[in-house]
């Protein structure tokens, strides 16, 4: 097998209609499907009322990442702004989420366009958890902002994922060891037989009758006796 490192950028495929709460229809909704470098925005109207809250979750499709991939880096960005003076809104923030679990800290939106790289904390993503990753836009009105027309202007977002995976090419020793949470394939496997080191090509039962050590990418198996 061969371990491949790849980096892919994903853009939103839609929004979570079950958890998103906003006022009336979205204006130009296809525009938030672009990346964070877009020059065109969608308009999301904020819910009206005293202390009313607006939630908008951007969703992604990471299914193209191989099932056996090890996620090594996730960088999420979004671009936009929130209308309204601070005395009309108690909160206006964006944040990464996996399901209902927040990642890192909230980033405050301003009334001017900004491209934000989200804080995702220590990461710790797996391919499975990444499938549930969303970017949440959130606002809460103050007592002074009950009935004003306020908006999110969302230009887009993107998530850049770096990952490692076995491409199934079948080249290599076929034996891997896990170090610091990452599987690495040994370049070769040698077994000591009757006092002589012999390189092994059939490694299926290589560890049944000996102990091993790994040095510079090569695994050495010694006899128990």
N, C-alpha and C. Protein backbone atom coordinates (compact mmCIF):
# COMPACT_ATOMS: atom_id res chain seq x y z
N UNK A 1 0.84 -1.19 0.00
CA UNK A 1 0.00 0.00 0.00
C UNK A 1 0.87 1.24 0.00
N UNK A 2 0.30 2.37 -0.41
CA UNK A 2 1.00 3.65 -0.40
C UNK A 2 0.14 4.69 0.31
N UNK A 3 0.77 5.42 1.23
CA UNK A 3 0.05 6.45 1.97
C UNK A 3 0.15 7.77 1.20
N UNK A 4 -0.99 8.32 0.83
CA UNK A 4 -1.07 9.56 0.05
C UNK A 4 -1.54 10.70 0.95
N UNK A 5 -0.93 11.88 0.79
CA UNK A 5 -1.39 13.09 1.47
C UNK A 5 -2.10 13.99 0.46
N UNK A 6 -3.30 14.43 0.78
CA UNK A 6 -4.09 15.26 -0.14
C UNK A 6 -4.70 16.44 0.62
N UNK A 7 -4.92 17.54 -0.09
CA UNK A 7 -5.59 18.72 0.46
C UNK A 7 -6.72 19.12 -0.48
N UNK A 8 -7.93 19.25 0.07
CA UNK A 8 -9.11 19.57 -0.74
C UNK A 8 -9.89 20.70 -0.08
N UNK A 9 -10.38 21.63 -0.90
CA UNK A 9 -11.22 22.72 -0.39
C UNK A 9 -12.68 22.43 -0.72
N UNK A 10 -13.54 22.51 0.28
CA UNK A 10 -14.96 22.25 0.12
C UNK A 10 -15.74 23.56 0.34
N UNK A 11 -16.77 23.78 -0.47
CA UNK A 11 -17.65 24.94 -0.31
C UNK A 11 -19.02 24.45 0.16
N UNK A 12 -19.87 25.33 0.67
CA UNK A 12 -21.18 24.90 1.17
C UNK A 12 -22.02 24.25 0.07
N UNK A 13 -22.80 23.27 0.47
CA UNK A 13 -23.76 22.64 -0.45
C UNK A 13 -25.19 23.08 -0.13
N UNK A 14 -25.36 23.81 0.97
CA UNK A 14 -26.69 24.28 1.36
C UNK A 14 -26.68 24.75 2.80
N UNK A 15 -27.84 24.70 3.43
CA UNK A 15 -27.94 25.06 4.85
C UNK A 15 -28.85 24.05 5.53
N UNK A 16 -28.71 23.94 6.84
CA UNK A 16 -29.49 23.00 7.63
C UNK A 16 -30.87 23.62 7.90
N UNK A 17 -31.86 23.22 7.13
CA UNK A 17 -33.19 23.82 7.26
C UNK A 17 -33.87 23.42 8.57
N UNK A 18 -33.44 22.30 9.17
CA UNK A 18 -34.04 21.87 10.42
C UNK A 18 -33.61 22.70 11.61
N UNK A 19 -32.40 23.25 11.56
CA UNK A 19 -31.88 24.02 12.69
C UNK A 19 -31.78 25.51 12.40
N UNK A 20 -31.83 25.90 11.15
CA UNK A 20 -31.72 27.32 10.82
C UNK A 20 -33.05 28.03 11.08
N UNK A 21 -32.97 29.20 11.70
CA UNK A 21 -34.15 30.00 12.02
C UNK A 21 -33.88 31.43 11.57
N UNK A 22 -34.67 31.93 10.61
CA UNK A 22 -34.48 33.27 10.07
C UNK A 22 -35.84 33.85 9.69
N UNK A 23 -35.84 35.11 9.23
CA UNK A 23 -37.08 35.81 8.94
C UNK A 23 -37.31 35.86 7.43
N UNK A 24 -38.48 35.37 6.99
CA UNK A 24 -38.87 35.41 5.58
C UNK A 24 -37.89 34.65 4.69
N UNK A 25 -37.89 34.95 3.40
CA UNK A 25 -37.08 34.22 2.43
C UNK A 25 -35.66 34.76 2.38
N UNK A 26 -34.73 33.90 1.95
CA UNK A 26 -33.35 34.30 1.72
C UNK A 26 -33.25 34.94 0.33
N UNK A 27 -32.57 36.06 0.25
CA UNK A 27 -32.40 36.74 -1.03
C UNK A 27 -31.11 36.26 -1.70
N UNK A 28 -31.21 35.80 -2.95
CA UNK A 28 -30.06 35.27 -3.70
C UNK A 28 -29.36 34.13 -2.96
N UNK A 29 -30.09 33.07 -2.61
CA UNK A 29 -29.52 32.01 -1.77
C UNK A 29 -28.36 31.26 -2.40
N UNK A 30 -28.26 31.21 -3.72
CA UNK A 30 -27.17 30.46 -4.34
C UNK A 30 -25.81 31.09 -4.08
N UNK A 31 -25.80 32.34 -3.68
CA UNK A 31 -24.52 33.04 -3.53
C UNK A 31 -23.73 32.59 -2.30
N UNK A 32 -24.40 32.08 -1.26
CA UNK A 32 -23.62 31.62 -0.11
C UNK A 32 -23.02 30.24 -0.37
N UNK A 33 -23.25 29.68 -1.57
CA UNK A 33 -22.65 28.40 -1.94
C UNK A 33 -21.25 28.58 -2.51
N UNK A 34 -20.76 29.82 -2.60
CA UNK A 34 -19.41 30.10 -3.08
C UNK A 34 -18.40 29.99 -1.94
N UNK A 35 -17.11 30.14 -2.30
CA UNK A 35 -16.09 30.12 -1.25
C UNK A 35 -15.97 31.50 -0.61
N UNK A 36 -15.06 31.61 0.36
CA UNK A 36 -14.95 32.85 1.13
C UNK A 36 -14.27 33.98 0.36
N UNK A 37 -13.87 33.72 -0.87
CA UNK A 37 -13.28 34.78 -1.70
C UNK A 37 -14.30 35.39 -2.67
N UNK A 38 -15.55 35.00 -2.55
CA UNK A 38 -16.59 35.48 -3.46
C UNK A 38 -16.82 36.98 -3.31
N UNK A 39 -17.33 37.59 -4.39
CA UNK A 39 -17.66 39.02 -4.38
C UNK A 39 -19.17 39.25 -4.34
N UNK A 40 -19.97 38.18 -4.29
CA UNK A 40 -21.42 38.31 -4.28
C UNK A 40 -22.00 37.68 -3.01
N UNK A 41 -23.05 38.27 -2.48
CA UNK A 41 -23.57 37.79 -1.20
C UNK A 41 -25.06 37.43 -1.28
N UNK A 42 -25.44 36.53 -0.38
CA UNK A 42 -26.85 36.23 -0.12
C UNK A 42 -27.28 37.04 1.11
N UNK A 43 -28.55 37.35 1.17
CA UNK A 43 -29.08 38.14 2.30
C UNK A 43 -30.02 37.27 3.13
N UNK A 44 -29.71 37.16 4.41
CA UNK A 44 -30.54 36.41 5.35
C UNK A 44 -31.14 37.41 6.35
N UNK A 45 -32.45 37.50 6.38
CA UNK A 45 -33.13 38.46 7.24
C UNK A 45 -33.20 37.93 8.68
N UNK A 46 -32.85 38.79 9.63
CA UNK A 46 -32.84 38.37 11.03
C UNK A 46 -34.26 38.33 11.60
N UNK A 47 -34.51 37.35 12.46
CA UNK A 47 -35.81 37.21 13.13
C UNK A 47 -36.11 38.47 13.93
N UNK A 48 -37.37 38.89 13.90
CA UNK A 48 -37.77 40.11 14.62
C UNK A 48 -38.38 39.77 15.96
N UNK A 49 -38.27 40.72 16.90
CA UNK A 49 -38.84 40.54 18.23
C UNK A 49 -37.81 40.83 19.30
N UNK A 50 -38.27 41.08 20.52
CA UNK A 50 -37.39 41.35 21.64
C UNK A 50 -36.54 40.12 21.95
N UNK A 51 -35.23 40.30 21.95
CA UNK A 51 -34.27 39.21 22.22
C UNK A 51 -34.40 38.05 21.23
N UNK A 52 -34.96 38.32 20.05
CA UNK A 52 -35.14 37.26 19.04
C UNK A 52 -33.79 36.77 18.53
N UNK A 53 -33.71 35.46 18.28
CA UNK A 53 -32.46 34.84 17.84
C UNK A 53 -32.58 34.33 16.40
N UNK A 54 -31.52 34.51 15.64
CA UNK A 54 -31.41 33.99 14.29
C UNK A 54 -30.27 32.99 14.24
N UNK A 55 -30.53 31.82 13.64
CA UNK A 55 -29.52 30.78 13.47
C UNK A 55 -29.46 30.41 11.99
N UNK A 56 -28.25 30.31 11.45
CA UNK A 56 -28.10 29.90 10.06
C UNK A 56 -26.87 29.01 9.94
N UNK A 57 -27.10 27.72 9.61
CA UNK A 57 -26.04 26.72 9.58
C UNK A 57 -25.68 26.37 8.14
N UNK A 58 -24.47 26.69 7.71
CA UNK A 58 -23.98 26.30 6.40
C UNK A 58 -23.50 24.85 6.46
N UNK A 59 -23.91 24.04 5.48
CA UNK A 59 -23.56 22.63 5.47
C UNK A 59 -22.61 22.31 4.32
N UNK A 60 -21.87 21.18 4.47
CA UNK A 60 -20.85 20.78 3.50
C UNK A 60 -20.99 19.28 3.22
N UNK A 61 -20.43 18.86 2.11
CA UNK A 61 -20.41 17.44 1.75
C UNK A 61 -18.95 16.99 1.65
N UNK A 62 -18.52 16.17 2.63
CA UNK A 62 -17.14 15.69 2.67
C UNK A 62 -17.03 14.24 2.23
N UNK A 63 -18.06 13.72 1.56
CA UNK A 63 -18.09 12.29 1.24
C UNK A 63 -17.01 11.87 0.24
N UNK A 64 -16.39 12.82 -0.45
CA UNK A 64 -15.33 12.46 -1.39
C UNK A 64 -14.02 12.10 -0.69
N UNK A 65 -13.91 12.41 0.60
CA UNK A 65 -12.72 12.01 1.35
C UNK A 65 -12.78 10.49 1.55
N UNK A 66 -11.69 9.77 1.26
CA UNK A 66 -11.72 8.30 1.39
C UNK A 66 -12.10 7.84 2.80
N UNK A 67 -12.77 6.71 2.85
CA UNK A 67 -13.27 6.19 4.13
C UNK A 67 -12.15 5.88 5.11
N UNK A 68 -10.97 5.53 4.62
CA UNK A 68 -9.87 5.17 5.51
C UNK A 68 -8.95 6.35 5.81
N UNK A 69 -9.39 7.57 5.51
CA UNK A 69 -8.52 8.74 5.64
C UNK A 69 -8.29 9.12 7.10
N UNK A 70 -7.09 9.62 7.35
CA UNK A 70 -6.73 10.20 8.64
C UNK A 70 -6.67 11.72 8.46
N UNK A 71 -7.55 12.45 9.15
CA UNK A 71 -7.63 13.91 9.00
C UNK A 71 -6.50 14.56 9.79
N UNK A 72 -5.66 15.35 9.12
CA UNK A 72 -4.53 15.98 9.80
C UNK A 72 -4.70 17.48 9.99
N UNK A 73 -5.57 18.12 9.19
CA UNK A 73 -5.76 19.57 9.33
C UNK A 73 -7.11 19.97 8.76
N UNK A 74 -7.79 20.89 9.47
CA UNK A 74 -9.06 21.45 9.00
C UNK A 74 -9.02 22.96 9.21
N UNK A 75 -9.18 23.73 8.14
CA UNK A 75 -9.19 25.19 8.22
C UNK A 75 -10.49 25.68 7.60
N UNK A 76 -11.31 26.38 8.40
CA UNK A 76 -12.61 26.86 7.93
C UNK A 76 -12.63 28.38 7.86
N UNK A 77 -13.21 28.90 6.77
CA UNK A 77 -13.34 30.35 6.60
C UNK A 77 -14.76 30.69 6.18
N UNK A 78 -15.16 31.91 6.48
CA UNK A 78 -16.41 32.43 5.94
C UNK A 78 -16.25 33.93 5.76
N UNK A 79 -17.12 34.52 4.92
CA UNK A 79 -17.01 35.94 4.62
C UNK A 79 -18.38 36.58 4.66
N UNK A 80 -18.45 37.79 5.25
CA UNK A 80 -19.71 38.53 5.26
C UNK A 80 -19.73 39.59 6.33
N UNK A 81 -20.94 39.99 6.68
CA UNK A 81 -21.11 41.01 7.71
C UNK A 81 -22.52 40.91 8.27
N UNK A 82 -22.78 41.67 9.32
CA UNK A 82 -24.11 41.72 9.93
C UNK A 82 -24.51 43.18 10.06
N UNK A 83 -25.68 43.54 9.56
CA UNK A 83 -26.12 44.93 9.65
C UNK A 83 -26.57 45.24 11.07
N UNK A 84 -26.71 46.51 11.35
CA UNK A 84 -27.23 46.91 12.66
C UNK A 84 -26.16 47.43 13.58
N UNK A 85 -26.47 48.50 14.30
CA UNK A 85 -25.55 49.05 15.27
C UNK A 85 -25.51 48.15 16.50
N UNK A 86 -24.42 48.18 17.28
CA UNK A 86 -24.29 47.27 18.43
C UNK A 86 -25.44 47.35 19.43
N UNK A 87 -26.08 48.53 19.59
CA UNK A 87 -27.15 48.63 20.58
C UNK A 87 -28.44 47.93 20.12
N UNK A 88 -28.48 47.48 18.86
CA UNK A 88 -29.65 46.75 18.37
C UNK A 88 -29.45 45.24 18.41
N UNK A 89 -28.22 44.82 18.62
CA UNK A 89 -27.90 43.39 18.66
C UNK A 89 -27.04 43.08 19.89
N UNK A 90 -27.44 42.07 20.63
CA UNK A 90 -26.63 41.64 21.77
C UNK A 90 -25.47 40.77 21.30
N UNK A 91 -25.73 39.91 20.31
CA UNK A 91 -24.69 39.03 19.75
C UNK A 91 -24.80 39.02 18.23
N UNK A 92 -23.67 38.93 17.56
CA UNK A 92 -23.60 38.66 16.13
C UNK A 92 -22.27 37.93 15.90
N UNK A 93 -22.36 36.63 15.70
CA UNK A 93 -21.17 35.79 15.75
C UNK A 93 -21.21 34.66 14.72
N UNK A 94 -20.03 34.12 14.41
CA UNK A 94 -19.92 32.88 13.63
C UNK A 94 -19.05 31.91 14.41
N UNK A 95 -19.32 30.61 14.17
CA UNK A 95 -18.59 29.58 14.92
C UNK A 95 -18.71 28.24 14.19
N UNK A 96 -17.70 27.41 14.32
CA UNK A 96 -17.77 26.06 13.77
C UNK A 96 -18.46 25.12 14.74
N UNK A 97 -19.20 24.15 14.21
CA UNK A 97 -19.90 23.16 15.03
C UNK A 97 -19.74 21.78 14.42
N UNK A 98 -19.68 20.76 15.28
CA UNK A 98 -19.85 19.37 14.87
C UNK A 98 -21.12 18.89 15.57
N UNK A 99 -22.20 18.75 14.79
CA UNK A 99 -23.50 18.50 15.40
C UNK A 99 -23.87 19.69 16.28
N UNK A 100 -24.12 19.43 17.56
CA UNK A 100 -24.44 20.51 18.50
C UNK A 100 -23.25 20.91 19.35
N UNK A 101 -22.07 20.39 19.04
CA UNK A 101 -20.87 20.69 19.81
C UNK A 101 -20.06 21.79 19.14
N UNK A 102 -19.83 22.89 19.87
CA UNK A 102 -19.08 24.01 19.33
C UNK A 102 -17.60 23.66 19.23
N UNK A 103 -16.93 24.20 18.20
CA UNK A 103 -15.49 24.02 18.02
C UNK A 103 -14.80 25.36 18.21
N UNK A 104 -13.88 25.44 19.15
CA UNK A 104 -13.15 26.68 19.37
C UNK A 104 -14.03 27.79 19.92
N UNK A 105 -13.68 29.02 19.58
CA UNK A 105 -14.39 30.19 20.10
C UNK A 105 -15.24 30.86 19.02
N UNK A 106 -16.26 31.60 19.47
CA UNK A 106 -17.05 32.40 18.55
C UNK A 106 -16.22 33.58 18.05
N UNK A 107 -16.45 33.97 16.80
CA UNK A 107 -15.81 35.15 16.21
C UNK A 107 -16.90 36.19 15.98
N UNK A 108 -16.66 37.41 16.44
CA UNK A 108 -17.66 38.47 16.33
C UNK A 108 -17.72 39.03 14.91
N UNK A 109 -18.94 39.15 14.40
CA UNK A 109 -19.16 39.80 13.11
C UNK A 109 -19.21 41.31 13.30
N UNK A 110 -18.78 42.04 12.28
CA UNK A 110 -18.87 43.50 12.31
C UNK A 110 -19.87 43.95 11.25
N UNK A 111 -20.06 45.25 11.15
CA UNK A 111 -20.96 45.81 10.14
C UNK A 111 -20.24 46.04 8.82
N UNK A 112 -18.96 45.66 8.74
CA UNK A 112 -18.18 45.77 7.50
C UNK A 112 -17.82 44.38 7.01
N UNK A 113 -17.67 44.22 5.70
CA UNK A 113 -17.29 42.93 5.15
C UNK A 113 -15.98 42.44 5.76
N UNK A 114 -15.93 41.17 6.10
CA UNK A 114 -14.71 40.59 6.65
C UNK A 114 -14.62 39.12 6.26
N UNK A 115 -13.40 38.67 6.00
CA UNK A 115 -13.14 37.26 5.78
C UNK A 115 -12.56 36.70 7.06
N UNK A 116 -13.23 35.71 7.62
CA UNK A 116 -12.89 35.19 8.95
C UNK A 116 -12.37 33.77 8.82
N UNK A 117 -11.21 33.52 9.41
CA UNK A 117 -10.74 32.16 9.61
C UNK A 117 -11.20 31.72 10.99
N UNK A 118 -12.04 30.69 11.04
CA UNK A 118 -12.66 30.31 12.30
C UNK A 118 -11.67 29.62 13.23
N UNK A 119 -11.83 29.88 14.52
CA UNK A 119 -11.07 29.16 15.54
C UNK A 119 -11.73 27.81 15.76
N UNK A 120 -11.02 26.72 15.47
CA UNK A 120 -11.56 25.38 15.65
C UNK A 120 -10.94 24.65 16.84
N UNK A 121 -10.27 25.41 17.70
CA UNK A 121 -9.69 24.80 18.89
C UNK A 121 -8.57 23.84 18.52
N UNK A 122 -8.46 22.74 19.25
CA UNK A 122 -7.39 21.78 19.02
C UNK A 122 -7.68 20.83 17.87
N UNK A 123 -8.84 20.98 17.24
CA UNK A 123 -9.18 20.14 16.09
C UNK A 123 -9.69 18.78 16.53
N UNK A 124 -8.88 17.75 16.31
CA UNK A 124 -9.30 16.40 16.68
C UNK A 124 -10.39 15.85 15.79
N UNK A 125 -10.39 16.24 14.53
CA UNK A 125 -11.43 15.77 13.61
C UNK A 125 -11.14 14.35 13.13
N UNK A 126 -12.19 13.58 12.99
CA UNK A 126 -12.13 12.32 12.26
C UNK A 126 -12.98 12.49 11.01
N UNK A 127 -12.89 11.54 10.09
CA UNK A 127 -13.72 11.62 8.90
C UNK A 127 -15.20 11.60 9.29
N UNK A 128 -15.54 10.81 10.31
CA UNK A 128 -16.94 10.70 10.74
C UNK A 128 -17.44 12.01 11.34
N UNK A 129 -16.64 12.64 12.21
CA UNK A 129 -17.09 13.90 12.82
C UNK A 129 -17.14 15.01 11.79
N UNK A 130 -16.24 14.98 10.82
CA UNK A 130 -16.23 16.02 9.79
C UNK A 130 -17.52 16.01 8.97
N UNK A 131 -18.13 14.85 8.82
CA UNK A 131 -19.38 14.75 8.07
C UNK A 131 -20.48 15.60 8.71
N UNK A 132 -20.37 15.86 10.02
CA UNK A 132 -21.38 16.64 10.74
C UNK A 132 -20.94 18.08 11.00
N UNK A 133 -19.89 18.53 10.30
CA UNK A 133 -19.38 19.88 10.52
C UNK A 133 -20.24 20.92 9.81
N UNK A 134 -20.55 22.01 10.51
CA UNK A 134 -21.28 23.14 9.94
C UNK A 134 -20.63 24.45 10.41
N UNK A 135 -20.93 25.53 9.70
CA UNK A 135 -20.56 26.86 10.15
C UNK A 135 -21.84 27.59 10.52
N UNK A 136 -21.92 28.00 11.77
CA UNK A 136 -23.14 28.65 12.25
C UNK A 136 -22.98 30.17 12.31
N UNK A 137 -23.93 30.87 11.66
CA UNK A 137 -24.07 32.31 11.80
C UNK A 137 -25.18 32.54 12.83
N UNK A 138 -24.91 33.43 13.79
CA UNK A 138 -25.86 33.62 14.91
C UNK A 138 -25.98 35.10 15.27
N UNK A 139 -27.21 35.52 15.56
CA UNK A 139 -27.45 36.88 16.04
C UNK A 139 -28.60 36.88 17.04
N UNK A 140 -28.51 37.76 18.01
CA UNK A 140 -29.58 37.94 19.00
C UNK A 140 -29.85 39.43 19.15
N UNK A 141 -31.12 39.79 18.97
CA UNK A 141 -31.49 41.21 19.08
C UNK A 141 -31.50 41.65 20.54
N UNK A 142 -31.27 42.93 20.73
CA UNK A 142 -31.39 43.54 22.06
C UNK A 142 -32.80 44.08 22.23
N UNK A 143 -33.09 44.61 23.38
CA UNK A 143 -34.40 45.22 23.63
C UNK A 143 -34.64 46.43 22.73
N UNK A 144 -33.53 47.04 22.24
CA UNK A 144 -33.66 48.23 21.40
C UNK A 144 -33.78 47.89 19.91
N UNK A 145 -33.63 46.62 19.57
CA UNK A 145 -33.61 46.27 18.16
C UNK A 145 -34.76 45.40 17.72
N UNK A 146 -35.91 45.56 18.37
CA UNK A 146 -37.02 44.62 18.19
C UNK A 146 -37.50 44.52 16.75
N UNK A 147 -37.82 45.61 16.11
CA UNK A 147 -38.50 45.56 14.82
C UNK A 147 -37.71 46.16 13.65
N UNK A 148 -36.45 46.49 13.87
CA UNK A 148 -35.64 47.00 12.76
C UNK A 148 -35.37 45.89 11.74
N UNK A 149 -35.23 46.27 10.47
CA UNK A 149 -34.84 45.30 9.44
C UNK A 149 -33.33 45.12 9.50
N UNK A 150 -32.91 43.95 9.94
CA UNK A 150 -31.49 43.64 10.08
C UNK A 150 -31.18 42.37 9.29
N UNK A 151 -29.89 42.22 8.87
CA UNK A 151 -29.56 41.15 7.94
C UNK A 151 -28.18 40.56 8.23
N UNK A 152 -28.01 39.30 7.79
CA UNK A 152 -26.70 38.73 7.52
C UNK A 152 -26.44 38.90 6.02
N UNK A 153 -25.25 39.32 5.66
CA UNK A 153 -24.81 39.30 4.27
C UNK A 153 -23.72 38.24 4.18
N UNK A 154 -24.01 37.10 3.54
CA UNK A 154 -23.10 35.96 3.52
C UNK A 154 -22.56 35.78 2.10
N UNK A 155 -21.25 36.00 1.92
CA UNK A 155 -20.62 35.85 0.62
C UNK A 155 -20.30 34.39 0.31
N UNK A 156 -20.04 33.61 1.32
CA UNK A 156 -19.69 32.22 1.11
C UNK A 156 -18.81 31.71 2.23
N UNK A 157 -18.31 30.49 2.06
CA UNK A 157 -17.46 29.86 3.07
C UNK A 157 -16.69 28.73 2.41
N UNK A 158 -15.66 28.27 3.08
CA UNK A 158 -14.94 27.10 2.59
C UNK A 158 -14.25 26.40 3.75
N UNK A 159 -14.03 25.10 3.58
CA UNK A 159 -13.32 24.28 4.56
C UNK A 159 -12.22 23.55 3.80
N UNK A 160 -10.97 23.81 4.16
CA UNK A 160 -9.83 23.15 3.52
C UNK A 160 -9.35 22.02 4.43
N UNK A 161 -9.38 20.81 3.90
CA UNK A 161 -9.06 19.61 4.69
C UNK A 161 -7.81 18.95 4.12
N UNK A 162 -6.84 18.68 4.99
CA UNK A 162 -5.68 17.89 4.62
C UNK A 162 -5.80 16.53 5.28
N UNK A 163 -5.56 15.47 4.52
CA UNK A 163 -5.77 14.13 5.04
C UNK A 163 -4.80 13.15 4.39
N UNK A 164 -4.60 12.01 5.07
CA UNK A 164 -3.76 10.93 4.56
C UNK A 164 -4.63 9.70 4.36
N UNK A 165 -4.33 8.93 3.33
CA UNK A 165 -5.11 7.72 3.09
C UNK A 165 -4.28 6.72 2.30
N UNK A 166 -4.67 5.46 2.41
CA UNK A 166 -4.04 4.38 1.65
C UNK A 166 -4.70 4.31 0.28
N UNK A 167 -3.91 4.46 -0.77
CA UNK A 167 -4.49 4.47 -2.11
C UNK A 167 -4.73 3.07 -2.66
N UNK A 168 -4.40 2.04 -1.87
CA UNK A 168 -4.69 0.67 -2.28
C UNK A 168 -3.83 0.17 -3.42
N UNK A 169 -2.69 0.81 -3.65
CA UNK A 169 -1.85 0.41 -4.78
C UNK A 169 -1.13 -0.90 -4.55
N UNK A 170 -1.01 -1.32 -3.30
CA UNK A 170 -0.37 -2.60 -3.00
C UNK A 170 1.14 -2.55 -3.05
N UNK A 171 1.75 -1.39 -3.17
CA UNK A 171 3.20 -1.29 -3.18
C UNK A 171 3.69 -1.02 -1.77
N UNK A 172 4.68 -1.79 -1.31
CA UNK A 172 5.21 -1.61 0.04
C UNK A 172 5.17 -2.90 0.81
N UNK A 173 5.50 -2.83 2.11
CA UNK A 173 5.63 -4.04 2.92
C UNK A 173 4.29 -4.63 3.31
N UNK A 174 3.24 -3.80 3.35
CA UNK A 174 1.94 -4.28 3.81
C UNK A 174 1.78 -4.30 5.31
N UNK A 175 2.79 -3.81 6.04
CA UNK A 175 2.75 -3.78 7.51
C UNK A 175 2.88 -2.34 7.96
N UNK A 176 1.98 -1.89 8.84
CA UNK A 176 2.01 -0.53 9.35
C UNK A 176 2.01 -0.53 10.86
N UNK A 177 2.59 0.51 11.44
CA UNK A 177 2.55 0.72 12.89
C UNK A 177 1.94 2.08 13.16
N UNK A 178 1.28 2.20 14.31
CA UNK A 178 0.62 3.45 14.67
C UNK A 178 1.51 4.24 15.61
N UNK A 179 1.87 5.45 15.18
CA UNK A 179 2.74 6.31 15.98
C UNK A 179 2.10 7.68 16.09
N UNK A 180 1.88 8.13 17.34
CA UNK A 180 1.24 9.43 17.58
C UNK A 180 -0.09 9.55 16.87
N UNK A 181 -0.84 8.45 16.82
CA UNK A 181 -2.17 8.46 16.24
C UNK A 181 -2.22 8.33 14.73
N UNK A 182 -1.06 8.16 14.08
CA UNK A 182 -1.01 8.09 12.62
C UNK A 182 -0.39 6.76 12.20
N UNK A 183 -1.04 6.08 11.25
CA UNK A 183 -0.51 4.82 10.73
C UNK A 183 0.57 5.11 9.69
N UNK A 184 1.73 4.47 9.85
CA UNK A 184 2.82 4.60 8.89
C UNK A 184 3.25 3.21 8.43
N UNK A 185 3.39 3.05 7.12
CA UNK A 185 3.79 1.76 6.58
C UNK A 185 5.30 1.57 6.68
N UNK A 186 5.69 0.39 7.09
CA UNK A 186 7.11 0.04 7.13
C UNK A 186 7.64 -0.14 5.71
N UNK A 187 8.85 0.34 5.46
CA UNK A 187 9.43 0.19 4.13
C UNK A 187 9.82 -1.25 3.84
N UNK A 188 10.13 -2.03 4.89
CA UNK A 188 10.52 -3.43 4.71
C UNK A 188 10.36 -4.17 6.04
N UNK A 189 10.22 -5.49 5.95
CA UNK A 189 10.14 -6.33 7.14
C UNK A 189 11.20 -7.43 7.03
N UNK A 190 12.06 -7.52 8.06
CA UNK A 190 13.11 -8.54 8.11
C UNK A 190 12.88 -9.42 9.32
N UNK A 191 13.09 -10.72 9.16
CA UNK A 191 12.94 -11.67 10.26
C UNK A 191 14.25 -12.45 10.45
N UNK A 192 14.62 -12.61 11.73
CA UNK A 192 15.84 -13.35 12.04
C UNK A 192 15.52 -14.83 12.09
N UNK A 193 16.07 -15.59 11.17
CA UNK A 193 15.82 -17.01 11.06
C UNK A 193 17.16 -17.75 11.16
N UNK A 194 17.27 -18.58 12.21
CA UNK A 194 18.51 -19.35 12.43
C UNK A 194 19.73 -18.45 12.44
N UNK A 195 19.57 -17.29 13.08
CA UNK A 195 20.69 -16.38 13.22
C UNK A 195 20.94 -15.46 12.05
N UNK A 196 20.17 -15.56 10.97
CA UNK A 196 20.37 -14.73 9.79
C UNK A 196 19.12 -13.86 9.53
N UNK A 197 19.35 -12.61 9.13
CA UNK A 197 18.25 -11.73 8.80
C UNK A 197 17.78 -12.00 7.37
N UNK A 198 16.46 -12.26 7.23
CA UNK A 198 15.87 -12.57 5.93
C UNK A 198 14.70 -11.63 5.68
N UNK A 199 14.70 -10.89 4.56
CA UNK A 199 13.59 -10.00 4.25
C UNK A 199 12.35 -10.82 3.90
N UNK A 200 11.18 -10.40 4.45
CA UNK A 200 9.95 -11.14 4.30
C UNK A 200 9.03 -10.48 3.27
N UNK A 201 8.47 -11.31 2.41
CA UNK A 201 7.46 -10.82 1.46
C UNK A 201 6.06 -11.26 1.86
N UNK A 202 5.94 -12.41 2.53
CA UNK A 202 4.66 -12.89 3.05
C UNK A 202 4.60 -12.50 4.53
N UNK A 203 3.90 -11.41 4.83
CA UNK A 203 3.92 -10.86 6.19
C UNK A 203 2.64 -11.15 6.98
N UNK A 204 1.77 -12.03 6.49
CA UNK A 204 0.49 -12.25 7.13
C UNK A 204 0.64 -12.76 8.56
N UNK A 205 1.58 -13.69 8.80
CA UNK A 205 1.75 -14.27 10.13
C UNK A 205 3.11 -13.94 10.72
N UNK A 206 3.64 -12.78 10.38
CA UNK A 206 5.01 -12.46 10.73
C UNK A 206 5.23 -12.30 12.24
N UNK A 207 4.18 -11.92 13.00
CA UNK A 207 4.37 -11.61 14.41
C UNK A 207 3.87 -12.72 15.34
N UNK A 208 3.58 -13.89 14.81
CA UNK A 208 3.00 -14.94 15.66
C UNK A 208 4.03 -15.61 16.55
N UNK A 209 5.31 -15.54 16.19
CA UNK A 209 6.29 -16.29 16.97
C UNK A 209 7.54 -15.47 17.28
N UNK A 210 7.39 -14.16 17.44
CA UNK A 210 8.56 -13.36 17.75
C UNK A 210 8.20 -11.99 18.29
N UNK A 211 9.22 -11.21 18.59
CA UNK A 211 9.06 -9.82 19.02
C UNK A 211 9.68 -8.95 17.94
N UNK A 212 9.32 -7.64 17.95
CA UNK A 212 9.80 -6.80 16.87
C UNK A 212 10.22 -5.43 17.38
N UNK A 213 11.00 -4.74 16.56
CA UNK A 213 11.33 -3.34 16.79
C UNK A 213 11.36 -2.65 15.43
N UNK A 214 11.16 -1.33 15.45
CA UNK A 214 11.15 -0.57 14.21
C UNK A 214 12.30 0.44 14.24
N UNK A 215 13.09 0.46 13.20
CA UNK A 215 14.22 1.37 13.09
C UNK A 215 14.26 1.97 11.70
N UNK A 216 14.19 3.31 11.62
CA UNK A 216 14.28 4.00 10.33
C UNK A 216 13.32 3.44 9.29
N UNK A 217 12.10 3.15 9.72
CA UNK A 217 11.08 2.70 8.78
C UNK A 217 11.11 1.23 8.45
N UNK A 218 12.07 0.48 9.01
CA UNK A 218 12.16 -0.96 8.76
C UNK A 218 11.82 -1.72 10.03
N UNK A 219 10.99 -2.77 9.90
CA UNK A 219 10.61 -3.59 11.04
C UNK A 219 11.48 -4.84 11.07
N UNK A 220 12.05 -5.12 12.25
CA UNK A 220 12.87 -6.30 12.47
C UNK A 220 12.16 -7.22 13.48
N UNK A 221 11.96 -8.45 13.07
CA UNK A 221 11.30 -9.43 13.93
C UNK A 221 12.33 -10.45 14.39
N UNK A 222 12.44 -10.63 15.69
CA UNK A 222 13.42 -11.60 16.24
C UNK A 222 12.70 -12.79 16.80
N UNK A 223 13.38 -13.92 16.81
CA UNK A 223 12.79 -15.13 17.35
C UNK A 223 12.71 -15.04 18.86
N UNK A 224 11.73 -15.74 19.45
CA UNK A 224 11.59 -15.71 20.89
C UNK A 224 12.70 -16.49 21.59
N UNK A 225 13.28 -17.47 20.93
CA UNK A 225 14.28 -18.30 21.60
C UNK A 225 15.68 -17.70 21.42
